[in-house]
Amino acid sequence: MTESVIIPAGLGRRLAGFALELLLCAATLVVGWLVWSVLEWRHGRTPAKRLLGLRVVDAVTAEPADLRTMALRQGVYAIGVVGLFGAATLGLGLVIAALFALSPTRQAMWDRLAFTSVVRADA
C-alpha cells in the first residue's frame, strides 16, 4: 500500500483562504455561503479551501475531517476570532491565530482545538 504525502498548507495560502472566505461570504450575502459551507464540510473543506486546493484533515489519521469536526472547528473560529473574542480584542484573536499557524505543525488555534490540520489537497 502506498502512502500519500501530506503537505501542510503554508501561511500565505491560509491567509489567501481567509480573504477569499470573506469575499465569498459577502458575495453570496452570507446565506449562500452558509449553505455552500455545510455542503463542503462533508468533504473536509470550506468554499475557499475547495477553490484553493486545500483540505482539513484529522491531525492524527490524516483522514478528511467529517461534518461534526468541521462544525466544531468553524464554531471555535467563529466565536474566537470573528465573534465575541474578536470583537472584544479588536482583531487580537486573528493575530493569535496567525501566530499559531507559524508553528512547525502550521495549525491555527481552531485547528488545535478541533485536532485538525489544513493540508494541500493536490499533494
PDB file of N, CA and C in Angstrom:
ATOM      1  N   MET A   1       0.845  -1.179   0.000  1.00  0.00           N
ATOM      2  CA  MET A   1       0.000   0.000   0.000  1.00  0.00           C
ATOM      3  C   MET A   1       0.888   1.240   0.000  1.00  0.00           C
ATOM      4  N   THR A   2       0.573   2.217  -0.845  1.00  0.00           N
ATOM      5  CA  THR A   2       1.365   3.436  -0.926  1.00  0.00           C
ATOM      6  C   THR A   2       0.768   4.511  -0.036  1.00  0.00           C
ATOM      7  N   GLU A   3       1.646   5.254   0.618  1.00  0.00           N
ATOM      8  CA  GLU A   3       1.200   6.357   1.467  1.00  0.00           C
ATOM      9  C   GLU A   3       1.218   7.642   0.669  1.00  0.00           C
ATOM     10  N   SER A   4       0.187   8.455   0.859  1.00  0.00           N
ATOM     11  CA  SER A   4       0.192   9.753   0.200  1.00  0.00           C
ATOM     12  C   SER A   4       0.975  10.736   1.064  1.00  0.00           C
ATOM     13  N   VAL A   5       1.577  11.688   0.418  1.00  0.00           N
ATOM     14  CA  VAL A   5       2.367  12.688   1.118  1.00  0.00           C
ATOM     15  C   VAL A   5       1.434  13.794   1.587  1.00  0.00           C
ATOM     16  N   ILE A   6       1.523  14.128   2.866  1.00  0.00           N
ATOM     17  CA  ILE A   6       0.710  15.193   3.442  1.00  0.00           C
ATOM     18  C   ILE A   6       1.572  16.448   3.524  1.00  0.00           C
ATOM     19  N   ILE A   7       1.176  17.479   2.804  1.00  0.00           N
ATOM     20  CA  ILE A   7       1.912  18.746   2.816  1.00  0.00           C
ATOM     21  C   ILE A   7       1.041  19.798   3.490  1.00  0.00           C
ATOM     22  N   PRO A   8       1.464  20.287   4.661  1.00  0.00           N
ATOM     23  CA  PRO A   8       0.672  21.323   5.331  1.00  0.00           C
ATOM     24  C   PRO A   8       0.562  22.577   4.471  1.00  0.00           C
ATOM     25  N   ALA A   9      -0.577  23.212   4.529  1.00  0.00           N
ATOM     26  CA  ALA A   9      -0.790  24.454   3.790  1.00  0.00           C
ATOM     27  C   ALA A   9       0.068  25.556   4.404  1.00  0.00           C
ATOM     28  N   GLY A  10       0.687  26.338   3.569  1.00  0.00           N
ATOM     29  CA  GLY A  10       1.522  27.433   4.038  1.00  0.00           C
ATOM     30  C   GLY A  10       0.700  28.609   4.543  1.00  0.00           C
ATOM     31  N   LEU A  11       1.346  29.484   5.272  1.00  0.00           N
ATOM     32  CA  LEU A  11       0.662  30.638   5.851  1.00  0.00           C
ATOM     33  C   LEU A  11       0.072  31.536   4.763  1.00  0.00           C
ATOM     34  N   GLY A  12       0.779  31.717   3.663  1.00  0.00           N
ATOM     35  CA  GLY A  12       0.273  32.559   2.576  1.00  0.00           C
ATOM     36  C   GLY A  12      -1.013  32.012   1.983  1.00  0.00           C
ATOM     37  N   ARG A  13      -1.046  30.719   1.782  1.00  0.00           N
ATOM     38  CA  ARG A  13      -2.253  30.098   1.232  1.00  0.00           C
ATOM     39  C   ARG A  13      -3.397  30.155   2.244  1.00  0.00           C
ATOM     40  N   ARG A  14      -3.076  30.006   3.524  1.00  0.00           N
ATOM     41  CA  ARG A  14      -4.101  30.104   4.561  1.00  0.00           C
ATOM     42  C   ARG A  14      -4.678  31.514   4.631  1.00  0.00           C
ATOM     43  N   LEU A  15      -3.813  32.526   4.537  1.00  0.00           N
ATOM     44  CA  LEU A  15      -4.292  33.913   4.562  1.00  0.00           C
ATOM     45  C   LEU A  15      -5.117  34.224   3.315  1.00  0.00           C
ATOM     46  N   ALA A  16      -4.700  33.687   2.174  1.00  0.00           N
ATOM     47  CA  ALA A  16      -5.487  33.862   0.947  1.00  0.00           C
ATOM     48  C   ALA A  16      -6.860  33.221   1.125  1.00  0.00           C
ATOM     49  N   GLY A  17      -6.895  32.074   1.786  1.00  0.00           N
ATOM     50  CA  GLY A  17      -8.170  31.402   2.061  1.00  0.00           C
ATOM     51  C   GLY A  17      -9.070  32.241   2.946  1.00  0.00           C
ATOM     52  N   PHE A  18      -8.486  32.878   3.950  1.00  0.00           N
ATOM     53  CA  PHE A  18      -9.252  33.737   4.845  1.00  0.00           C
ATOM     54  C   PHE A  18      -9.864  34.901   4.063  1.00  0.00           C
ATOM     55  N   ALA A  19      -9.052  35.544   3.239  1.00  0.00           N
ATOM     56  CA  ALA A  19      -9.546  36.677   2.449  1.00  0.00           C
ATOM     57  C   ALA A  19     -10.614  36.226   1.455  1.00  0.00           C
ATOM     58  N   LEU A  20     -10.388  35.104   0.808  1.00  0.00           N
ATOM     59  CA  LEU A  20     -11.364  34.590  -0.150  1.00  0.00           C
ATOM     60  C   LEU A  20     -12.664  34.200   0.548  1.00  0.00           C
ATOM     61  N   GLU A  21     -12.554  33.642   1.749  1.00  0.00           N
ATOM     62  CA  GLU A  21     -13.754  33.269   2.510  1.00  0.00           C
ATOM     63  C   GLU A  21     -14.601  34.510   2.802  1.00  0.00           C
ATOM     64  N   LEU A  22     -13.947  35.609   3.193  1.00  0.00           N
ATOM     65  CA  LEU A  22     -14.672  36.857   3.448  1.00  0.00           C
ATOM     66  C   LEU A  22     -15.344  37.375   2.184  1.00  0.00           C
ATOM     67  N   LEU A  23     -14.636  37.318   1.072  1.00  0.00           N
ATOM     68  CA  LEU A  23     -15.181  37.774  -0.204  1.00  0.00           C
ATOM     69  C   LEU A  23     -16.379  36.923  -0.625  1.00  0.00           C
ATOM     70  N   LEU A  24     -16.254  35.600  -0.506  1.00  0.00           N
ATOM     71  CA  LEU A  24     -17.357  34.709  -0.873  1.00  0.00           C
ATOM     72  C   LEU A  24     -18.565  34.917   0.040  1.00  0.00           C
ATOM     73  N   CYS A  25     -18.298  35.134   1.311  1.00  0.00           N
ATOM     74  CA  CYS A  25     -19.381  35.370   2.273  1.00  0.00           C
ATOM     75  C   CYS A  25     -20.157  36.633   1.886  1.00  0.00           C
ATOM     76  N   ALA A  26     -19.441  37.689   1.559  1.00  0.00           N
ATOM     77  CA  ALA A  26     -20.096  38.940   1.168  1.00  0.00           C
ATOM     78  C   ALA A  26     -20.806  38.798  -0.177  1.00  0.00           C
ATOM     79  N   ALA A  27     -20.169  38.123  -1.127  1.00  0.00           N
ATOM     80  CA  ALA A  27     -20.744  37.991  -2.469  1.00  0.00           C
ATOM     81  C   ALA A  27     -22.018  37.154  -2.485  1.00  0.00           C
ATOM     82  N   THR A  28     -22.130  36.209  -1.571  1.00  0.00           N
ATOM     83  CA  THR A  28     -23.316  35.338  -1.536  1.00  0.00           C
ATOM     84  C   THR A  28     -24.309  35.774  -0.466  1.00  0.00           C
ATOM     85  N   LEU A  29     -24.086  36.981   0.078  1.00  0.00           N
ATOM     86  CA  LEU A  29     -24.974  37.553   1.100  1.00  0.00           C
ATOM     87  C   LEU A  29     -25.119  36.644   2.321  1.00  0.00           C
ATOM     88  N   VAL A  30     -24.054  36.001   2.718  1.00  0.00           N
ATOM     89  CA  VAL A  30     -23.916  35.144   3.893  1.00  0.00           C
ATOM     90  C   VAL A  30     -24.735  33.857   3.770  1.00  0.00           C
ATOM     91  N   VAL A  31     -25.982  33.951   3.379  1.00  0.00           N
ATOM     92  CA  VAL A  31     -26.856  32.769   3.322  1.00  0.00           C
ATOM     93  C   VAL A  31     -26.315  31.740   2.334  1.00  0.00           C
ATOM     94  N   GLY A  32     -25.959  32.177   1.143  1.00  0.00           N
ATOM     95  CA  GLY A  32     -25.404  31.259   0.151  1.00  0.00           C
ATOM     96  C   GLY A  32     -24.113  30.635   0.630  1.00  0.00           C
ATOM     97  N   TRP A  33     -23.289  31.429   1.292  1.00  0.00           N
ATOM     98  CA  TRP A  33     -22.027  30.918   1.822  1.00  0.00           C
ATOM     99  C   TRP A  33     -22.276  29.865   2.898  1.00  0.00           C
ATOM    100  N   LEU A  34     -23.257  30.100   3.774  1.00  0.00           N
ATOM    101  CA  LEU A  34     -23.561  29.119   4.823  1.00  0.00           C
ATOM    102  C   LEU A  34     -24.006  27.784   4.233  1.00  0.00           C
ATOM    103  N   VAL A  35     -24.883  27.830   3.250  1.00  0.00           N
ATOM    104  CA  VAL A  35     -25.356  26.595   2.604  1.00  0.00           C
ATOM    105  C   VAL A  35     -24.187  25.892   1.916  1.00  0.00           C
ATOM    106  N   TRP A  36     -23.405  26.645   1.155  1.00  0.00           N
ATOM    107  CA  TRP A  36     -22.258  26.084   0.457  1.00  0.00           C
ATOM    108  C   TRP A  36     -21.267  25.493   1.454  1.00  0.00           C
ATOM    109  N   SER A  37     -21.050  26.183   2.570  1.00  0.00           N
ATOM    110  CA  SER A  37     -20.112  25.710   3.586  1.00  0.00           C
ATOM    111  C   SER A  37     -20.519  24.360   4.151  1.00  0.00           C
ATOM    112  N   VAL A  38     -21.770  24.234   4.541  1.00  0.00           N
ATOM    113  CA  VAL A  38     -22.231  22.971   5.124  1.00  0.00           C
ATOM    114  C   VAL A  38     -22.073  21.829   4.120  1.00  0.00           C
ATOM    115  N   LEU A  39     -22.346  22.099   2.849  1.00  0.00           N
ATOM    116  CA  LEU A  39     -22.154  21.068   1.824  1.00  0.00           C
ATOM    117  C   LEU A  39     -20.677  20.685   1.698  1.00  0.00           C
ATOM    118  N   GLU A  40     -19.796  21.656   1.790  1.00  0.00           N
ATOM    119  CA  GLU A  40     -18.353  21.386   1.681  1.00  0.00           C
ATOM    120  C   GLU A  40     -17.794  20.720   2.930  1.00  0.00           C
ATOM    121  N   TRP A  41     -18.348  21.023   4.108  1.00  0.00           N
ATOM    122  CA  TRP A  41     -17.848  20.431   5.348  1.00  0.00           C
ATOM    123  C   TRP A  41     -17.861  18.915   5.297  1.00  0.00           C
ATOM    124  N   ARG A  42     -18.772  18.337   4.558  1.00  0.00           N
ATOM    125  CA  ARG A  42     -18.847  16.869   4.462  1.00  0.00           C
ATOM    126  C   ARG A  42     -17.623  16.285   3.780  1.00  0.00           C
ATOM    127  N   HIS A  43     -16.869  17.130   3.101  1.00  0.00           N
ATOM    128  CA  HIS A  43     -15.660  16.682   2.406  1.00  0.00           C
ATOM    129  C   HIS A  43     -14.395  17.260   3.040  1.00  0.00           C
ATOM    130  N   GLY A  44     -14.543  17.839   4.238  1.00  0.00           N
ATOM    131  CA  GLY A  44     -13.386  18.412   4.928  1.00  0.00           C
ATOM    132  C   GLY A  44     -12.870  19.683   4.291  1.00  0.00           C
ATOM    133  N   ARG A  45     -13.784  20.512   3.798  1.00  0.00           N
ATOM    134  CA  ARG A  45     -13.384  21.759   3.145  1.00  0.00           C
ATOM    135  C   ARG A  45     -14.340  22.881   3.526  1.00  0.00           C
ATOM    136  N   THR A  46     -13.922  24.086   3.218  1.00  0.00           N
ATOM    137  CA  THR A  46     -14.804  25.245   3.208  1.00  0.00           C
ATOM    138  C   THR A  46     -14.853  25.692   1.748  1.00  0.00           C
ATOM    139  N   PRO A  47     -15.737  26.603   1.384  1.00  0.00           N
ATOM    140  CA  PRO A  47     -15.761  27.045  -0.018  1.00  0.00           C
ATOM    141  C   PRO A  47     -14.403  27.558  -0.515  1.00  0.00           C
ATOM    142  N   ALA A  48     -13.740  28.383   0.280  1.00  0.00           N
ATOM    143  CA  ALA A  48     -12.446  28.917  -0.144  1.00  0.00           C
ATOM    144  C   ALA A  48     -11.389  27.823  -0.238  1.00  0.00           C
ATOM    145  N   LYS A  49     -11.410  26.889   0.695  1.00  0.00           N
ATOM    146  CA  LYS A  49     -10.437  25.802   0.653  1.00  0.00           C
ATOM    147  C   LYS A  49     -10.629  24.951  -0.602  1.00  0.00           C
ATOM    148  N   ARG A  50     -11.866  24.751  -0.988  1.00  0.00           N
ATOM    149  CA  ARG A  50     -12.123  23.997  -2.221  1.00  0.00           C
ATOM    150  C   ARG A  50     -11.506  24.712  -3.423  1.00  0.00           C
ATOM    151  N   LEU A  51     -11.721  26.030  -3.502  1.00  0.00           N
ATOM    152  CA  LEU A  51     -11.205  26.798  -4.627  1.00  0.00           C
ATOM    153  C   LEU A  51      -9.678  26.898  -4.635  1.00  0.00           C
ATOM    154  N   LEU A  52      -9.073  26.840  -3.452  1.00  0.00           N
ATOM    155  CA  LEU A  52      -7.618  26.962  -3.338  1.00  0.00           C
ATOM    156  C   LEU A  52      -6.898  25.614  -3.280  1.00  0.00           C
ATOM    157  N   GLY A  53      -7.634  24.520  -3.359  1.00  0.00           N
ATOM    158  CA  GLY A  53      -6.999  23.199  -3.329  1.00  0.00           C
ATOM    159  C   GLY A  53      -6.482  22.812  -1.959  1.00  0.00           C
ATOM    160  N   LEU A  54      -7.238  23.166  -0.912  1.00  0.00           N
ATOM    161  CA  LEU A  54      -6.870  22.821   0.462  1.00  0.00           C
ATOM    162  C   LEU A  54      -7.922  21.895   1.051  1.00  0.00           C
ATOM    163  N   ARG A  55      -7.531  21.163   2.090  1.00  0.00           N
ATOM    164  CA  ARG A  55      -8.462  20.257   2.761  1.00  0.00           C
ATOM    165  C   ARG A  55      -8.139  20.243   4.248  1.00  0.00           C
ATOM    166  N   VAL A  56      -9.169  20.090   5.064  1.00  0.00           N
ATOM    167  CA  VAL A  56      -8.997  19.950   6.503  1.00  0.00           C
ATOM    168  C   VAL A  56      -9.003  18.462   6.813  1.00  0.00           C
ATOM    169  N   VAL A  57      -7.953  18.013   7.513  1.00  0.00           N
ATOM    170  CA  VAL A  57      -7.838  16.592   7.849  1.00  0.00           C
ATOM    171  C   VAL A  57      -7.665  16.419   9.347  1.00  0.00           C
ATOM    172  N   ASP A  58      -7.967  15.212   9.822  1.00  0.00           N
ATOM    173  CA  ASP A  58      -7.712  14.843  11.208  1.00  0.00           C
ATOM    174  C   ASP A  58      -6.194  14.893  11.407  1.00  0.00           C
ATOM    175  N   ALA A  59      -5.739  15.555  12.451  1.00  0.00           N
ATOM    176  CA  ALA A  59      -4.307  15.752  12.666  1.00  0.00           C
ATOM    177  C   ALA A  59      -3.572  14.448  12.962  1.00  0.00           C
ATOM    178  N   VAL A  60      -4.290  13.421  13.414  1.00  0.00           N
ATOM    179  CA  VAL A  60      -3.649  12.156  13.757  1.00  0.00           C
ATOM    180  C   VAL A  60      -3.709  11.161  12.594  1.00  0.00           C
ATOM    181  N   THR A  61      -4.886  10.999  12.005  1.00  0.00           N
ATOM    182  CA  THR A  61      -5.072   9.970  10.980  1.00  0.00           C
ATOM    183  C   THR A  61      -4.900  10.488   9.558  1.00  0.00           C
ATOM    184  N   ALA A  62      -4.933  11.790   9.359  1.00  0.00           N
ATOM    185  CA  ALA A  62      -4.855  12.441   8.047  1.00  0.00           C
ATOM    186  C   ALA A  62      -6.069  12.134   7.175  1.00  0.00           C
ATOM    187  N   GLU A  63      -7.129  11.601   7.756  1.00  0.00           N
ATOM    188  CA  GLU A  63      -8.382  11.385   7.033  1.00  0.00           C
ATOM    189  C   GLU A  63      -9.115  12.724   6.947  1.00  0.00           C
ATOM    190  N   PRO A  64      -9.865  12.973   5.864  1.00  0.00           N
ATOM    191  CA  PRO A  64     -10.624  14.223   5.783  1.00  0.00           C
ATOM    192  C   PRO A  64     -11.546  14.393   6.992  1.00  0.00           C
ATOM    193  N   ALA A  65     -11.604  15.607   7.501  1.00  0.00           N
ATOM    194  CA  ALA A  65     -12.460  15.894   8.651  1.00  0.00           C
ATOM    195  C   ALA A  65     -13.921  15.643   8.275  1.00  0.00           C
ATOM    196  N   ASP A  66     -14.685  15.131   9.227  1.00  0.00           N
ATOM    197  CA  ASP A  66     -16.099  14.866   8.964  1.00  0.00           C
ATOM    198  C   ASP A  66     -16.934  16.101   9.289  1.00  0.00           C
ATOM    199  N   LEU A  67     -18.220  15.997   9.026  1.00  0.00           N
ATOM    200  CA  LEU A  67     -19.137  17.119   9.218  1.00  0.00           C
ATOM    201  C   LEU A  67     -19.116  17.636  10.656  1.00  0.00           C
ATOM    202  N   ARG A  68     -19.128  16.752  11.614  1.00  0.00           N
ATOM    203  CA  ARG A  68     -19.133  17.156  13.028  1.00  0.00           C
ATOM    204  C   ARG A  68     -17.843  17.888  13.399  1.00  0.00           C
ATOM    205  N   THR A  69     -16.720  17.372  12.952  1.00  0.00           N
ATOM    206  CA  THR A  69     -15.436  18.007  13.248  1.00  0.00           C
ATOM    207  C   THR A  69     -15.341  19.378  12.595  1.00  0.00           C
ATOM    208  N   MET A  70     -15.811  19.481  11.361  1.00  0.00           N
ATOM    209  CA  MET A  70     -15.794  20.769  10.671  1.00  0.00           C
ATOM    210  C   MET A  70     -16.697  21.778  11.373  1.00  0.00           C
ATOM    211  N   ALA A  71     -17.853  21.327  11.839  1.00  0.00           N
ATOM    212  CA  ALA A  71     -18.760  22.232  12.561  1.00  0.00           C
ATOM    213  C   ALA A  71     -18.090  22.730  13.842  1.00  0.00           C
ATOM    214  N   LEU A  72     -17.400  21.843  14.566  1.00  0.00           N
ATOM    215  CA  LEU A  72     -16.685  22.236  15.779  1.00  0.00           C
ATOM    216  C   LEU A  72     -15.587  23.242  15.438  1.00  0.00           C
ATOM    217  N   ARG A  73     -14.802  22.945  14.426  1.00  0.00           N
ATOM    218  CA  ARG A  73     -13.696  23.807  14.015  1.00  0.00           C
ATOM    219  C   ARG A  73     -14.204  25.189  13.622  1.00  0.00           C
ATOM    220  N   GLN A  74     -15.235  25.246  12.802  1.00  0.00           N
ATOM    221  CA  GLN A  74     -15.771  26.521  12.353  1.00  0.00           C
ATOM    222  C   GLN A  74     -16.449  27.268  13.508  1.00  0.00           C
ATOM    223  N   GLY A  75     -17.058  26.540  14.437  1.00  0.00           N
ATOM    224  CA  GLY A  75     -17.666  27.173  15.607  1.00  0.00           C
ATOM    225  C   GLY A  75     -16.623  27.850  16.479  1.00  0.00           C
ATOM    226  N   VAL A  76     -15.513  27.163  16.720  1.00  0.00           N
ATOM    227  CA  VAL A  76     -14.416  27.749  17.502  1.00  0.00           C
ATOM    228  C   VAL A  76     -13.879  28.980  16.788  1.00  0.00           C
ATOM    229  N   TYR A  77     -13.725  28.872  15.483  1.00  0.00           N
ATOM    230  CA  TYR A  77     -13.246  30.003  14.682  1.00  0.00           C
ATOM    231  C   TYR A  77     -14.203  31.190  14.786  1.00  0.00           C
ATOM    232  N   ALA A  78     -15.497  30.915  14.604  1.00  0.00           N
ATOM    233  CA  ALA A  78     -16.489  31.998  14.604  1.00  0.00           C
ATOM    234  C   ALA A  78     -16.563  32.705  15.952  1.00  0.00           C
ATOM    235  N   ILE A  79     -16.516  31.948  17.019  1.00  0.00           N
ATOM    236  CA  ILE A  79     -16.608  32.548  18.354  1.00  0.00           C
ATOM    237  C   ILE A  79     -15.302  33.217  18.741  1.00  0.00           C
ATOM    238  N   GLY A  80     -14.196  32.551  18.492  1.00  0.00           N
ATOM    239  CA  GLY A  80     -12.910  33.035  18.968  1.00  0.00           C
ATOM    240  C   GLY A  80     -12.298  34.155  18.169  1.00  0.00           C
ATOM    241  N   VAL A  81     -12.476  34.144  16.872  1.00  0.00           N
ATOM    242  CA  VAL A  81     -11.789  35.133  16.052  1.00  0.00           C
ATOM    243  C   VAL A  81     -12.740  36.192  15.521  1.00  0.00           C
ATOM    244  N   VAL A  82     -13.847  35.751  14.975  1.00  0.00           N
ATOM    245  CA  VAL A  82     -14.767  36.690  14.350  1.00  0.00           C
ATOM    246  C   VAL A  82     -15.782  37.229  15.358  1.00  0.00           C
ATOM    247  N   GLY A  83     -16.237  36.384  16.252  1.00  0.00           N
ATOM    248  CA  GLY A  83     -17.329  36.729  17.150  1.00  0.00           C
ATOM    249  C   GLY A  83     -16.917  37.509  18.371  1.00  0.00           C
ATOM    250  N   LEU A  84     -17.320  37.015  19.527  1.00  0.00           N
ATOM    251  CA  LEU A  84     -17.151  37.741  20.785  1.00  0.00           C
ATOM    252  C   LEU A  84     -15.708  38.094  21.087  1.00  0.00           C
ATOM    253  N   PHE A  85     -14.813  37.123  21.041  1.00  0.00           N
ATOM    254  CA  PHE A  85     -13.412  37.386  21.371  1.00  0.00           C
ATOM    255  C   PHE A  85     -12.783  38.342  20.371  1.00  0.00           C
ATOM    256  N   GLY A  86     -13.061  38.130  19.096  1.00  0.00           N
ATOM    257  CA  GLY A  86     -12.506  39.001  18.062  1.00  0.00           C
ATOM    258  C   GLY A  86     -12.970  40.433  18.208  1.00  0.00           C
ATOM    259  N   ALA A  87     -14.261  40.616  18.507  1.00  0.00           N
ATOM    260  CA  ALA A  87     -14.797  41.968  18.678  1.00  0.00           C
ATOM    261  C   ALA A  87     -14.242  42.614  19.938  1.00  0.00           C
ATOM    262  N   ALA A  88     -14.132  41.833  21.009  1.00  0.00           N
ATOM    263  CA  ALA A  88     -13.665  42.383  22.283  1.00  0.00           C
ATOM    264  C   ALA A  88     -12.193  42.778  22.228  1.00  0.00           C
ATOM    265  N   THR A  89     -11.408  42.104  21.405  1.00  0.00           N
ATOM    266  CA  THR A  89      -9.973  42.377  21.352  1.00  0.00           C
ATOM    267  C   THR A  89      -9.557  43.112  20.091  1.00  0.00           C
ATOM    268  N   LEU A  90     -10.527  43.539  19.303  1.00  0.00           N
ATOM    269  CA  LEU A  90     -10.252  44.290  18.077  1.00  0.00           C
ATOM    270  C   LEU A  90      -9.280  43.562  17.147  1.00  0.00           C
ATOM    271  N   GLY A  91      -9.531  42.296  16.927  1.00  0.00           N
ATOM    272  CA  GLY A  91      -8.721  41.525  15.989  1.00  0.00           C
ATOM    273  C   GLY A  91      -7.542  40.800  16.591  1.00  0.00           C
ATOM    274  N   LEU A  92      -7.341  40.902  17.907  1.00  0.00           N
ATOM    275  CA  LEU A  92      -6.224  40.209  18.539  1.00  0.00           C
ATOM    276  C   LEU A  92      -6.343  38.697  18.333  1.00  0.00           C
ATOM    277  N   GLY A  93      -7.577  38.187  18.274  1.00  0.00           N
ATOM    278  CA  GLY A  93      -7.779  36.753  18.038  1.00  0.00           C
ATOM    279  C   GLY A  93      -7.190  36.315  16.720  1.00  0.00           C
ATOM    280  N   LEU A  94      -7.302  37.130  15.698  1.00  0.00           N
ATOM    281  CA  LEU A  94      -6.732  36.793  14.394  1.00  0.00           C
ATOM    282  C   LEU A  94      -5.210  36.789  14.448  1.00  0.00           C
ATOM    283  N   VAL A  95      -4.634  37.716  15.184  1.00  0.00           N
ATOM    284  CA  VAL A  95      -3.178  37.761  15.339  1.00  0.00           C
ATOM    285  C   VAL A  95      -2.691  36.513  16.070  1.00  0.00           C
ATOM    286  N   ILE A  96      -3.386  36.140  17.149  1.00  0.00           N
ATOM    287  CA  ILE A  96      -3.016  34.932  17.890  1.00  0.00           C
ATOM    288  C   ILE A  96      -3.135  33.707  16.993  1.00  0.00           C
ATOM    289  N   ALA A  97      -4.194  33.636  16.217  1.00  0.00           N
ATOM    290  CA  ALA A  97      -4.391  32.504  15.309  1.00  0.00           C
ATOM    291  C   ALA A  97      -3.261  32.430  14.293  1.00  0.00           C
ATOM    292  N   ALA A  98      -2.846  33.569  13.761  1.00  0.00           N
ATOM    293  CA  ALA A  98      -1.759  33.590  12.789  1.00  0.00           C
ATOM    294  C   ALA A  98      -0.451  33.132  13.426  1.00  0.00           C
ATOM    295  N   LEU A  99      -0.218  33.526  14.664  1.00  0.00           N
ATOM    296  CA  LEU A  99       0.996  33.086  15.356  1.00  0.00           C
ATOM    297  C   LEU A  99       1.004  31.570  15.527  1.00  0.00           C
ATOM    298  N   PHE A 100      -0.154  30.981  15.852  1.00  0.00           N
ATOM    299  CA  PHE A 100      -0.239  29.527  15.937  1.00  0.00           C
ATOM    300  C   PHE A 100       0.107  28.908  14.586  1.00  0.00           C
ATOM    301  N   ALA A 101      -0.341  29.528  13.500  1.00  0.00           N
ATOM    302  CA  ALA A 101      -0.110  28.993  12.157  1.00  0.00           C
ATOM    303  C   ALA A 101       1.362  29.061  11.768  1.00  0.00           C
ATOM    304  N   LEU A 102       2.170  29.807  12.489  1.00  0.00           N
ATOM    305  CA  LEU A 102       3.600  29.860  12.223  1.00  0.00           C
ATOM    306  C   LEU A 102       4.358  28.732  12.918  1.00  0.00           C
ATOM    307  N   SER A 103       3.671  27.943  13.737  1.00  0.00           N
ATOM    308  CA  SER A 103       4.307  26.836  14.441  1.00  0.00           C
ATOM    309  C   SER A 103       4.716  25.756  13.441  1.00  0.00           C
ATOM    310  N   PRO A 104       5.568  24.818  13.844  1.00  0.00           N
ATOM    311  CA  PRO A 104       6.001  23.756  12.927  1.00  0.00           C
ATOM    312  C   PRO A 104       4.842  22.932  12.350  1.00  0.00           C
ATOM    313  N   THR A 105       3.754  22.770  13.095  1.00  0.00           N
ATOM    314  CA  THR A 105       2.618  21.996  12.593  1.00  0.00           C
ATOM    315  C   THR A 105       1.683  22.837  11.731  1.00  0.00           C
ATOM    316  N   ARG A 106       1.884  24.154  11.726  1.00  0.00           N
ATOM    317  CA  ARG A 106       1.072  25.099  10.957  1.00  0.00           C
ATOM    318  C   ARG A 106      -0.416  25.020  11.306  1.00  0.00           C
ATOM    319  N   GLN A 107      -0.708  24.724  12.549  1.00  0.00           N
ATOM    320  CA  GLN A 107      -2.102  24.655  12.992  1.00  0.00           C
ATOM    321  C   GLN A 107      -2.502  25.969  13.642  1.00  0.00           C
ATOM    322  N   ALA A 108      -3.621  26.507  13.191  1.00  0.00           N
ATOM    323  CA  ALA A 108      -4.179  27.690  13.832  1.00  0.00           C
ATOM    324  C   ALA A 108      -4.863  27.261  15.130  1.00  0.00           C
ATOM    325  N   MET A 109      -5.284  28.222  15.913  1.00  0.00           N
ATOM    326  CA  MET A 109      -5.910  27.959  17.203  1.00  0.00           C
ATOM    327  C   MET A 109      -7.099  27.012  17.059  1.00  0.00           C
ATOM    328  N   TRP A 110      -7.968  27.245  16.072  1.00  0.00           N
ATOM    329  CA  TRP A 110      -9.150  26.403  15.916  1.00  0.00           C
ATOM    330  C   TRP A 110      -8.782  25.009  15.425  1.00  0.00           C
ATOM    331  N   ASP A 111      -7.664  24.873  14.702  1.00  0.00           N
ATOM    332  CA  ASP A 111      -7.198  23.552  14.291  1.00  0.00           C
ATOM    333  C   ASP A 111      -6.754  22.744  15.509  1.00  0.00           C
ATOM    334  N   ARG A 112      -6.024  23.383  16.393  1.00  0.00           N
ATOM    335  CA  ARG A 112      -5.539  22.681  17.587  1.00  0.00           C
ATOM    336  C   ARG A 112      -6.701  22.225  18.468  1.00  0.00           C
ATOM    337  N   LEU A 113      -7.708  23.077  18.615  1.00  0.00           N
ATOM    338  CA  LEU A 113      -8.844  22.714  19.458  1.00  0.00           C
ATOM    339  C   LEU A 113      -9.716  21.621  18.847  1.00  0.00           C
ATOM    340  N   ALA A 114      -9.749  21.538  17.523  1.00  0.00           N
ATOM    341  CA  ALA A 114     -10.553  20.513  16.840  1.00  0.00           C
ATOM    342  C   ALA A 114      -9.700  19.317  16.402  1.00  0.00           C
ATOM    343  N   PHE A 115      -8.403  19.330  16.723  1.00  0.00           N
ATOM    344  CA  PHE A 115      -7.471  18.257  16.343  1.00  0.00           C
ATOM    345  C   PHE A 115      -7.453  18.045  14.835  1.00  0.00           C
ATOM    346  N   THR A 116      -7.346  19.159  14.096  1.00  0.00           N
ATOM    347  CA  THR A 116      -7.303  19.106  12.647  1.00  0.00           C
ATOM    348  C   THR A 116      -6.062  19.817  12.129  1.00  0.00           C
ATOM    349  N   SER A 117      -5.822  19.668  10.858  1.00  0.00           N
ATOM    350  CA  SER A 117      -4.740  20.344  10.185  1.00  0.00           C
ATOM    351  C   SER A 117      -5.198  20.664   8.764  1.00  0.00           C
ATOM    352  N   VAL A 118      -4.725  21.762   8.204  1.00  0.00           N
ATOM    353  CA  VAL A 118      -5.073  22.123   6.837  1.00  0.00           C
ATOM    354  C   VAL A 118      -3.908  21.704   5.948  1.00  0.00           C
ATOM    355  N   VAL A 119      -4.225  20.941   4.915  1.00  0.00           N
ATOM    356  CA  VAL A 119      -3.185  20.429   4.022  1.00  0.00           C
ATOM    357  C   VAL A 119      -3.533  20.757   2.584  1.00  0.00           C
ATOM    358  N   ARG A 120      -2.548  20.648   1.735  1.00  0.00           N
ATOM    359  CA  ARG A 120      -2.795  20.818   0.302  1.00  0.00           C
ATOM    360  C   ARG A 120      -3.468  19.564  -0.222  1.00  0.00           C
ATOM    361  N   ALA A 121      -4.587  19.718  -0.887  1.00  0.00           N
ATOM    362  CA  ALA A 121      -5.345  18.578  -1.406  1.00  0.00           C
ATOM    363  C   ALA A 121      -4.718  18.031  -2.674  1.00  0.00           C
ATOM    364  N   ASP A 122      -3.863  18.816  -3.332  1.00  0.00           N
ATOM    365  CA  ASP A 122      -3.279  18.394  -4.590  1.00  0.00           C
ATOM    366  C   ASP A 122      -2.002  17.602  -4.428  1.00  0.00           C
ATOM    367  N   ALA A 123      -1.596  17.354  -3.185  1.00  0.00           N
ATOM    368  CA  ALA A 123      -0.336  16.621  -2.938  1.00  0.00           C
ATOM    369  C   ALA A 123      -0.579  15.119  -2.954  1.00  0.00           C
TER     370      ALA A 123
END
